[in-house]
Amino acid sequence: MNTSVYIAKRYLFSHKKTHAINIISGISMLGVFVGSAALVIILSVFNGFEKVILSLYSNFTPELKIEPRFGKTFDPNTTYFMQLHKDPRVFSYTQELQEKALIMYNNKSFIGNIKGVSADFLKNRQLDSTIQDGSFTLRSDDINYAVIGGTVAGSLSVNISDPTPLRIFAPNRYAMSSSDPLNEFVVRNISPSGVFSIQQDFDDIAVTPISFARELLNEPVNVSSIEINCIRGADVDAFQREIIDRAGGKYTVKNRIQQNTELYKTLNYERWFIFMILVFVLIIAIFNIIGSLTMLVIDKRKDIAILSSLGAGKKLVQSIFFFEGMMISGIGCIAGMIVGLIFCLLQQKYGFIKMGASMSVIDAYPIALRVKDFGLVLLTVGSIAVIASWISSRLSIKNLDDIKGDL
């Protein structure tokens, strides 16, 4: 064993003449322990939230979305798009027609979005998990139905079991000047079959069959977008680049991250903001090591003088206190990560820490463990510990000549 490491280990566990040294070292180790455990737990909770939120968004957000670069709609009946529909890598190919409209129900009104979708939209098996009331039914017995978002249902006080239909008003693009304002609108009735809830961005939508949306919006051919989900194992990024190359510059092709840029930014900002706060706590805890090692130098003045007289140079003395600081930090960090891991595993299995409010999706704080988070915590604590231990070791040899002179 290296001499400096051996002596540092003895100093770490040996009795000190000044009891305050043990207390300060213990506080430093405890601070690193708590900070490391907190980092592991907080990062894992944020991973869990990210996984839950993105899984919910993926129910309505396709893997790839083709939109017109200019204008609001485009003709999907081109040679390439017809070939794309038959591509073996495509699991679902959904034509979508979306526009704002006025929705009325029992004398209440709400301005929301009508989202007409083709049959492939229902291939998503996760849609039922978003339903709060009713079912995700768009057509049954040749009758069209609408599945409405929670915001629409709440604003209009919709009762799914009530046979009263929704009245939807959309501007009539072909209306002539008339004294009757109603002639300026196309009005259609449709019964709600279910209420879904995901997030505010989606909960103001009423999902209908695309045939209903075409009739309402007087749009017999064009669509707002084409939504594509790939079969399992397909290279989505490569497929996206291929579509961009072959579709031409008239269209934009977005993956899930590009469709929800603000969501991903918000998740990352929150994650790193909390991470930096905990890092500052760790810095304060680890830099207490400087105080404890400075007092240890005073306590071990006689040992330092003896080592020096035996031929130990400043480098050896400096190494002893450097490794002492690293051991304090290392023990606290490893113990904290282990306790954080155990806590996360228990939370994953039993969910004993609840959200504090009933939610439709989760009731306990979600956890998702990632190996890279443990590496990040270890790297962060190690980097701060190296700086603090180096400063402490430099201070330990500053007065080495004075110590030898005094003795």
Protein backbone atom coordinates (compact mmCIF):
# COMPACT_ATOMS: atom_id res chain seq x y z
CA MET A 1 0.00 0.00 0.00
CA ASN A 2 1.22 3.52 -0.81
CA THR A 3 2.77 5.17 2.28
CA SER A 4 0.70 8.37 2.05
CA VAL A 5 -2.53 6.37 1.55
CA TYR A 6 -1.70 4.13 4.52
CA ILE A 7 -1.00 7.08 6.83
CA ALA A 8 -4.10 8.96 5.56
CA LYS A 9 -6.21 5.88 6.36
CA ARG A 10 -4.77 5.70 9.88
CA TYR A 11 -5.46 9.40 10.45
CA LEU A 12 -9.02 9.01 9.20
CA PHE A 13 -9.99 6.34 11.72
CA SER A 14 -7.61 7.16 14.59
CA HIS A 15 -8.54 9.15 17.69
CA LYS A 16 -7.68 12.85 17.55
CA LYS A 17 -6.57 14.90 20.51
CA THR A 18 -8.91 17.70 19.46
CA HIS A 19 -12.44 16.23 19.46
CA ALA A 20 -13.72 19.01 17.16
CA ILE A 21 -11.72 17.49 14.31
CA ASN A 22 -13.81 14.31 14.47
CA ILE A 23 -17.00 16.39 14.54
CA ILE A 24 -16.01 18.57 11.56
CA SER A 25 -14.87 15.53 9.56
CA GLY A 26 -18.11 13.76 10.38
CA ILE A 27 -20.16 16.78 9.30
CA SER A 28 -18.21 16.97 6.04
CA MET A 29 -18.78 13.27 5.35
CA LEU A 30 -22.46 13.56 6.28
CA GLY A 31 -22.86 16.55 3.95
CA VAL A 32 -21.34 14.62 1.05
CA PHE A 33 -23.49 11.60 1.96
CA VAL A 34 -26.75 13.60 1.97
CA GLY A 35 -25.80 15.58 -1.17
CA SER A 36 -24.88 12.45 -3.15
CA ALA A 37 -28.03 10.60 -2.09
CA ALA A 38 -30.15 13.65 -2.94
CA LEU A 39 -28.55 13.97 -6.39
CA VAL A 40 -29.23 10.31 -7.21
CA ILE A 41 -32.84 10.52 -5.98
CA ILE A 42 -33.66 13.87 -7.63
CA LEU A 43 -32.13 12.88 -10.98
CA SER A 44 -34.01 9.56 -10.90
CA VAL A 45 -37.30 11.31 -10.08
CA PHE A 46 -36.80 13.75 -12.96
CA ASN A 47 -36.03 10.78 -15.21
CA GLY A 48 -39.29 9.21 -14.06
CA PHE A 49 -41.30 12.36 -14.74
CA GLU A 50 -39.65 12.70 -18.14
CA LYS A 51 -40.48 9.09 -19.00
CA VAL A 52 -44.13 9.48 -17.91
CA ILE A 53 -44.66 12.82 -19.66
CA LEU A 54 -43.01 11.74 -22.90
CA SER A 55 -44.92 8.45 -22.92
CA LEU A 56 -48.15 10.42 -22.57
CA TYR A 57 -47.13 12.79 -25.35
CA SER A 58 -46.21 9.85 -27.57
CA ASN A 59 -49.86 8.76 -27.51
CA PHE A 60 -50.71 11.81 -29.59
CA THR A 61 -47.32 12.73 -30.98
CA PRO A 62 -46.22 10.53 -33.90
CA GLU A 63 -42.63 9.51 -34.45
CA LEU A 64 -42.55 11.56 -37.65
CA LYS A 65 -44.85 14.37 -38.80
CA ILE A 66 -44.92 15.77 -42.34
CA GLU A 67 -46.28 19.32 -42.65
CA PRO A 68 -46.34 21.91 -45.44
CA ARG A 69 -43.52 24.43 -45.30
CA PHE A 70 -45.86 27.10 -46.64
CA GLY A 71 -49.58 27.31 -46.04
CA LYS A 72 -51.79 25.23 -43.79
CA THR A 73 -52.70 22.24 -45.97
CA PHE A 74 -51.33 20.16 -48.84
CA ASP A 75 -52.44 17.41 -51.21
CA PRO A 76 -51.38 13.98 -49.87
CA ASN A 77 -52.20 12.18 -53.13
CA THR A 78 -48.75 12.50 -54.68
CA THR A 79 -46.80 9.56 -56.04
CA TYR A 80 -44.23 9.64 -53.26
CA PHE A 81 -46.75 9.86 -50.40
CA MET A 82 -48.71 6.95 -51.86
CA GLN A 83 -45.48 4.93 -51.97
CA LEU A 84 -44.66 6.04 -48.42
CA HIS A 85 -48.00 4.69 -47.23
CA LYS A 86 -46.97 1.22 -48.44
CA ASP A 87 -43.41 1.36 -47.07
CA PRO A 88 -42.73 -1.79 -44.96
CA ARG A 89 -41.12 0.35 -42.24
CA VAL A 90 -44.40 2.20 -41.63
CA PHE A 91 -46.62 0.87 -38.84
CA SER A 92 -49.29 3.58 -39.05
CA TYR A 93 -49.89 6.26 -41.68
CA THR A 94 -52.44 8.83 -40.49
CA GLN A 95 -53.80 11.69 -42.55
CA GLU A 96 -54.76 14.56 -40.27
CA LEU A 97 -56.90 17.65 -40.90
CA GLN A 98 -56.96 20.17 -38.06
CA GLU A 99 -58.52 23.59 -37.62
CA LYS A 100 -59.95 25.82 -34.88
CA ALA A 101 -63.71 25.78 -34.44
CA LEU A 102 -66.46 26.87 -32.05
CA ILE A 103 -67.85 23.97 -30.02
CA MET A 104 -71.25 24.35 -28.29
CA TYR A 105 -72.97 22.08 -25.80
CA ASN A 106 -76.12 22.95 -23.82
CA ASN A 107 -75.76 26.70 -24.43
CA LYS A 108 -72.09 26.70 -23.41
CA SER A 109 -69.36 27.46 -25.95
CA PHE A 110 -65.64 26.79 -26.29
CA ILE A 111 -63.12 27.60 -29.01
CA GLY A 112 -60.99 24.52 -29.55
CA ASN A 113 -59.32 22.46 -32.25
CA ILE A 114 -61.03 19.89 -34.42
CA LYS A 115 -58.59 17.13 -35.30
CA GLY A 116 -59.85 14.83 -38.03
CA VAL A 117 -57.84 11.61 -38.35
CA SER A 118 -57.85 8.61 -40.67
CA ALA A 119 -58.31 5.03 -39.46
CA ASP A 120 -54.61 4.32 -38.79
CA PHE A 121 -54.72 6.73 -35.84
CA LEU A 122 -56.48 4.06 -33.79
CA LYS A 123 -53.56 1.62 -34.25
CA ASN A 124 -51.95 3.31 -31.21
CA ARG A 125 -52.69 0.82 -28.43
CA GLN A 126 -51.94 3.39 -25.72
CA LEU A 127 -54.90 5.63 -26.54
CA ASP A 128 -57.19 3.85 -24.08
CA SER A 129 -54.81 4.69 -21.22
CA THR A 130 -55.56 8.40 -21.72
CA ILE A 131 -59.34 7.97 -21.41
CA GLN A 132 -60.97 9.42 -18.29
CA ASP A 133 -64.57 8.73 -19.26
CA GLY A 134 -66.22 6.71 -22.01
CA SER A 135 -64.09 5.08 -24.73
CA PHE A 136 -61.87 6.07 -27.64
CA THR A 137 -64.46 5.38 -30.32
CA LEU A 138 -64.52 7.47 -33.50
CA ARG A 139 -66.98 5.46 -35.59
CA SER A 140 -69.52 2.79 -34.81
CA ASP A 141 -72.45 1.50 -36.89
CA ASP A 142 -71.66 4.13 -39.56
CA ILE A 143 -72.09 6.91 -37.00
CA ASN A 144 -69.28 9.41 -36.33
CA TYR A 145 -68.21 10.17 -32.77
CA ALA A 146 -65.81 12.66 -31.17
CA VAL A 147 -63.34 12.04 -28.36
CA ILE A 148 -62.78 15.33 -26.56
CA GLY A 149 -59.96 16.62 -24.37
CA GLY A 150 -60.39 17.28 -20.67
CA THR A 151 -60.30 21.06 -21.16
CA VAL A 152 -63.16 20.89 -23.68
CA ALA A 153 -65.19 18.59 -21.44
CA GLY A 154 -64.61 20.76 -18.37
CA SER A 155 -65.41 24.04 -20.10
CA LEU A 156 -68.65 22.71 -21.60
CA SER A 157 -69.61 20.41 -18.68
CA VAL A 158 -70.02 17.52 -21.11
CA ASN A 159 -71.80 14.42 -19.86
CA ILE A 160 -70.88 11.39 -22.00
CA SER A 161 -74.06 9.53 -21.03
CA ASP A 162 -76.19 12.50 -22.14
CA PRO A 163 -77.46 12.01 -25.72
CA THR A 164 -77.13 15.76 -26.41
CA PRO A 165 -74.60 16.15 -29.27
CA LEU A 166 -71.86 18.73 -29.67
CA ARG A 167 -72.61 21.49 -32.18
CA ILE A 168 -69.48 22.53 -34.07
CA PHE A 169 -69.23 25.76 -36.04
CA ALA A 170 -66.50 26.32 -38.65
CA PRO A 171 -66.15 29.25 -41.10
CA ASN A 172 -67.74 28.56 -44.48
CA ARG A 173 -65.06 29.22 -47.09
CA TYR A 174 -67.62 29.39 -49.90
CA ALA A 175 -70.24 31.56 -48.16
CA MET A 176 -71.73 34.45 -50.11
CA SER A 177 -72.72 37.75 -48.53
CA SER A 178 -75.89 37.24 -46.52
CA SER A 179 -77.95 39.01 -43.90
CA ASP A 180 -78.02 35.81 -41.84
CA PRO A 181 -74.73 35.39 -39.88
CA LEU A 182 -75.29 31.63 -39.64
CA ASN A 183 -74.74 31.37 -43.38
CA GLU A 184 -71.12 32.29 -42.73
CA PHE A 185 -70.59 29.02 -40.87
CA VAL A 186 -70.80 25.31 -41.49
CA VAL A 187 -72.57 23.67 -38.56
CA ARG A 188 -72.39 19.96 -37.81
CA ASN A 189 -73.50 17.84 -34.86
CA ILE A 190 -71.48 14.97 -33.40
CA SER A 191 -71.90 12.97 -30.21
CA PRO A 192 -68.98 12.61 -27.76
CA SER A 193 -67.91 9.03 -27.01
CA GLY A 194 -65.10 9.71 -24.55
CA VAL A 195 -62.96 12.22 -22.67
CA PHE A 196 -59.17 11.98 -22.69
CA SER A 197 -56.58 13.88 -20.68
CA ILE A 198 -52.90 14.29 -21.43
CA GLN A 199 -51.69 17.86 -21.07
CA GLN A 200 -52.97 21.37 -21.72
CA ASP A 201 -51.51 21.44 -25.24
CA PHE A 202 -53.73 18.50 -26.24
CA ASP A 203 -56.75 18.79 -23.95
CA ASP A 204 -58.42 21.52 -26.06
CA ILE A 205 -58.81 19.09 -28.97
CA ALA A 206 -61.82 17.19 -30.24
CA VAL A 207 -60.70 14.14 -32.24
CA THR A 208 -63.08 13.09 -35.00
CA PRO A 209 -62.98 10.90 -38.13
CA ILE A 210 -61.32 12.76 -41.00
CA SER A 211 -64.49 12.40 -43.09
CA PHE A 212 -66.37 14.50 -40.54
CA ALA A 213 -63.60 17.13 -40.48
CA ARG A 214 -63.57 17.29 -44.31
CA GLU A 215 -67.32 17.92 -44.39
CA LEU A 216 -67.10 20.53 -41.62
CA LEU A 217 -64.15 22.40 -43.12
CA ASN A 218 -65.10 22.04 -46.80
CA GLU A 219 -61.76 20.36 -47.48
CA PRO A 220 -62.37 17.27 -49.64
CA VAL A 221 -58.73 16.51 -50.55
CA ASN A 222 -56.04 18.38 -48.61
CA VAL A 223 -54.70 17.53 -45.17
CA SER A 224 -52.85 19.49 -42.48
CA SER A 225 -50.22 16.80 -41.91
CA ILE A 226 -49.27 13.17 -42.33
CA GLU A 227 -48.38 11.38 -39.10
CA ILE A 228 -46.13 8.32 -39.28
CA ASN A 229 -45.23 5.71 -36.68
CA CYS A 230 -42.60 3.13 -37.58
CA ILE A 231 -42.46 -0.58 -36.85
CA ARG A 232 -40.40 -1.66 -33.88
CA GLY A 233 -36.67 -1.69 -34.62
CA ALA A 234 -36.83 0.74 -37.54
CA ASP A 235 -34.20 3.50 -37.70
CA VAL A 236 -36.45 6.56 -37.30
CA ASP A 237 -33.65 9.09 -37.78
CA ALA A 238 -32.51 7.50 -41.05
CA PHE A 239 -36.13 7.26 -42.21
CA GLN A 240 -36.64 10.96 -41.42
CA ARG A 241 -33.60 11.94 -43.50
CA GLU A 242 -34.83 9.79 -46.37
CA ILE A 243 -38.28 11.41 -46.34
CA ILE A 244 -36.73 14.90 -46.26
CA ASP A 245 -34.57 14.07 -49.29
CA ARG A 246 -37.37 12.49 -51.32
CA ALA A 247 -40.33 14.69 -50.36
CA GLY A 248 -38.60 17.91 -51.39
CA GLY A 249 -38.34 21.38 -49.95
CA LYS A 250 -42.10 22.00 -49.83
CA TYR A 251 -42.43 19.99 -46.62
CA THR A 252 -40.98 19.85 -43.12
CA VAL A 253 -40.45 16.49 -41.44
CA LYS A 254 -40.24 16.59 -37.64
CA ASN A 255 -39.40 13.88 -35.13
CA ARG A 256 -40.89 13.85 -31.62
CA ILE A 257 -38.24 16.13 -30.15
CA GLN A 258 -38.72 18.69 -32.92
CA GLN A 259 -42.50 18.55 -32.50
CA ASN A 260 -42.21 19.24 -28.75
CA THR A 261 -39.12 21.44 -28.57
CA GLU A 262 -40.40 23.55 -25.66
CA LEU A 263 -41.32 20.47 -23.64
CA TYR A 264 -37.83 18.96 -23.97
CA LYS A 265 -36.21 22.31 -23.16
CA THR A 266 -38.37 22.75 -20.05
CA LEU A 267 -37.58 19.25 -18.79
CA ASN A 268 -33.85 19.77 -19.30
CA TYR A 269 -33.83 23.26 -17.74
CA GLU A 270 -35.66 22.04 -14.62
CA ARG A 271 -33.39 19.03 -14.31
CA TRP A 272 -30.15 21.02 -14.55
CA PHE A 273 -31.44 23.86 -12.36
CA ILE A 274 -32.14 21.46 -9.49
CA PHE A 275 -28.84 19.68 -10.17
CA MET A 276 -26.89 22.95 -9.84
CA ILE A 277 -28.62 23.83 -6.56
CA LEU A 278 -27.61 20.47 -5.07
CA VAL A 279 -24.08 20.87 -6.43
CA PHE A 280 -23.75 24.16 -4.52
CA VAL A 281 -24.85 22.33 -1.36
CA LEU A 282 -22.20 19.69 -2.08
CA ILE A 283 -19.54 22.37 -2.58
CA ILE A 284 -20.30 23.84 0.84
CA ALA A 285 -20.22 20.39 2.45
CA ILE A 286 -17.02 19.27 0.76
CA PHE A 287 -15.17 22.53 1.43
CA ASN A 288 -15.69 21.91 5.15
CA ILE A 289 -12.91 19.40 4.56
CA ILE A 290 -10.46 22.30 4.33
CA GLY A 291 -11.30 23.29 7.91
CA SER A 292 -11.10 19.75 9.27
CA LEU A 293 -7.77 19.02 7.53
CA THR A 294 -6.29 22.32 8.68
CA MET A 295 -7.14 21.37 12.26
CA LEU A 296 -5.75 17.88 11.63
CA VAL A 297 -2.45 19.44 10.57
CA ILE A 298 -2.31 21.27 13.89
CA ASP A 299 -3.21 18.08 15.78
CA LYS A 300 -0.50 16.07 13.98
CA ARG A 301 2.31 18.64 14.16
CA LYS A 302 4.54 16.20 16.04
CA ASP A 303 3.88 13.38 13.52
CA ILE A 304 4.68 15.70 10.62
CA ALA A 305 7.94 16.76 12.25
CA ILE A 306 8.94 13.12 12.85
CA LEU A 307 8.14 12.17 9.25
CA SER A 308 10.12 15.14 8.03
CA SER A 309 13.13 14.20 10.16
CA LEU A 310 12.97 10.67 8.72
CA GLY A 311 13.34 12.12 5.24
CA ALA A 312 9.74 12.65 4.19
CA GLY A 313 9.51 15.58 1.82
CA LYS A 314 6.78 18.10 1.32
CA LYS A 315 5.28 15.97 -1.48
CA LEU A 316 4.66 13.02 0.87
CA VAL A 317 3.13 15.24 3.56
CA GLN A 318 0.96 16.93 0.95
CA SER A 319 -0.17 13.54 -0.41
CA ILE A 320 -1.20 12.35 3.06
CA PHE A 321 -3.67 15.18 3.57
CA PHE A 322 -4.81 15.08 -0.05
CA PHE A 323 -5.80 11.42 0.27
CA GLU A 324 -7.34 12.15 3.66
CA GLY A 325 -9.70 14.64 2.02
CA MET A 326 -10.45 12.28 -0.86
CA MET A 327 -11.28 9.44 1.57
CA ILE A 328 -13.74 11.63 3.50
CA SER A 329 -15.44 12.63 0.25
CA GLY A 330 -15.28 9.15 -1.27
CA ILE A 331 -16.84 7.37 1.71
CA GLY A 332 -19.63 9.95 1.89
CA CYS A 333 -20.25 9.79 -1.85
CA ILE A 334 -20.31 5.98 -2.18
CA ALA A 335 -22.51 5.58 0.91
CA GLY A 336 -24.86 8.30 -0.35
CA MET A 337 -25.16 6.71 -3.79
CA ILE A 338 -25.90 3.29 -2.27
CA VAL A 339 -28.60 4.70 0.01
CA GLY A 340 -30.02 6.74 -2.90
CA LEU A 341 -30.13 3.58 -5.06
CA ILE A 342 -31.89 1.58 -2.31
CA PHE A 343 -34.42 4.39 -1.83
CA CYS A 344 -35.13 4.55 -5.58
CA LEU A 345 -35.58 0.77 -5.85
CA LEU A 346 -38.02 0.78 -2.91
CA GLN A 347 -39.94 3.72 -4.39
CA GLN A 348 -40.13 1.93 -7.75
CA LYS A 349 -41.55 -1.19 -6.14
CA TYR A 350 -43.80 0.19 -3.40
CA GLY A 351 -44.40 3.86 -4.33
CA PHE A 352 -44.57 4.90 -0.67
CA ILE A 353 -43.93 8.61 -1.43
CA LYS A 354 -47.19 9.85 -2.93
CA MET A 355 -47.75 12.87 -5.15
CA GLY A 356 -50.09 14.48 -2.61
CA ALA A 357 -52.92 14.80 -5.15
CA SER A 358 -54.91 12.27 -7.10
CA MET A 359 -53.81 12.04 -10.71
CA SER A 360 -55.22 10.06 -13.60
CA VAL A 361 -51.85 8.69 -14.64
CA ILE A 362 -49.67 8.31 -11.54
CA ASP A 363 -50.23 8.65 -7.80
CA ALA A 364 -46.65 8.15 -6.53
CA TYR A 365 -43.42 9.88 -7.57
CA PRO A 366 -42.06 7.99 -10.59
CA ILE A 367 -38.48 6.69 -10.63
CA ALA A 368 -36.27 5.84 -13.60
CA LEU A 369 -32.68 4.77 -12.87
CA ARG A 370 -29.90 5.54 -15.36
CA VAL A 371 -26.30 4.40 -15.01
CA LYS A 372 -25.02 7.69 -16.44
CA ASP A 373 -26.58 9.59 -13.51
CA PHE A 374 -24.46 7.62 -11.04
CA GLY A 375 -21.41 8.39 -13.17
CA LEU A 376 -22.38 12.08 -13.22
CA VAL A 377 -22.75 12.19 -9.41
CA LEU A 378 -19.43 10.39 -8.94
CA LEU A 379 -17.69 12.74 -11.38
CA THR A 380 -19.21 15.85 -9.78
CA VAL A 381 -18.34 14.87 -6.22
CA GLY A 382 -14.90 13.65 -7.28
CA SER A 383 -14.09 16.91 -9.10
CA ILE A 384 -15.12 19.09 -6.14
CA ALA A 385 -13.32 16.78 -3.71
CA VAL A 386 -10.08 16.94 -5.74
CA ILE A 387 -10.14 20.76 -5.66
CA ALA A 388 -10.95 20.94 -1.93
CA SER A 389 -8.38 18.25 -1.02
CA TRP A 390 -5.70 19.91 -3.16
CA ILE A 391 -6.29 23.25 -1.41
CA SER A 392 -6.15 21.51 1.98
CA SER A 393 -2.97 19.66 1.12
CA ARG A 394 -1.32 22.88 -0.06
CA LEU A 395 -2.20 24.56 3.23
CA SER A 396 -0.83 21.58 5.16
CA ILE A 397 2.73 22.10 3.88
CA LYS A 398 2.75 25.90 4.00
CA ASN A 399 3.89 25.97 7.57
CA LEU A 400 5.90 22.76 7.45
CA ASP A 401 9.16 24.64 8.10
CA ASP A 402 7.57 26.44 11.05
CA ILE A 403 6.44 23.12 12.49
CA LYS A 404 9.94 21.67 12.26
CA GLY A 405 11.41 24.80 13.77
CA ASP A 406 9.00 24.76 16.70
CA LEU A 407 9.86 21.18 17.47
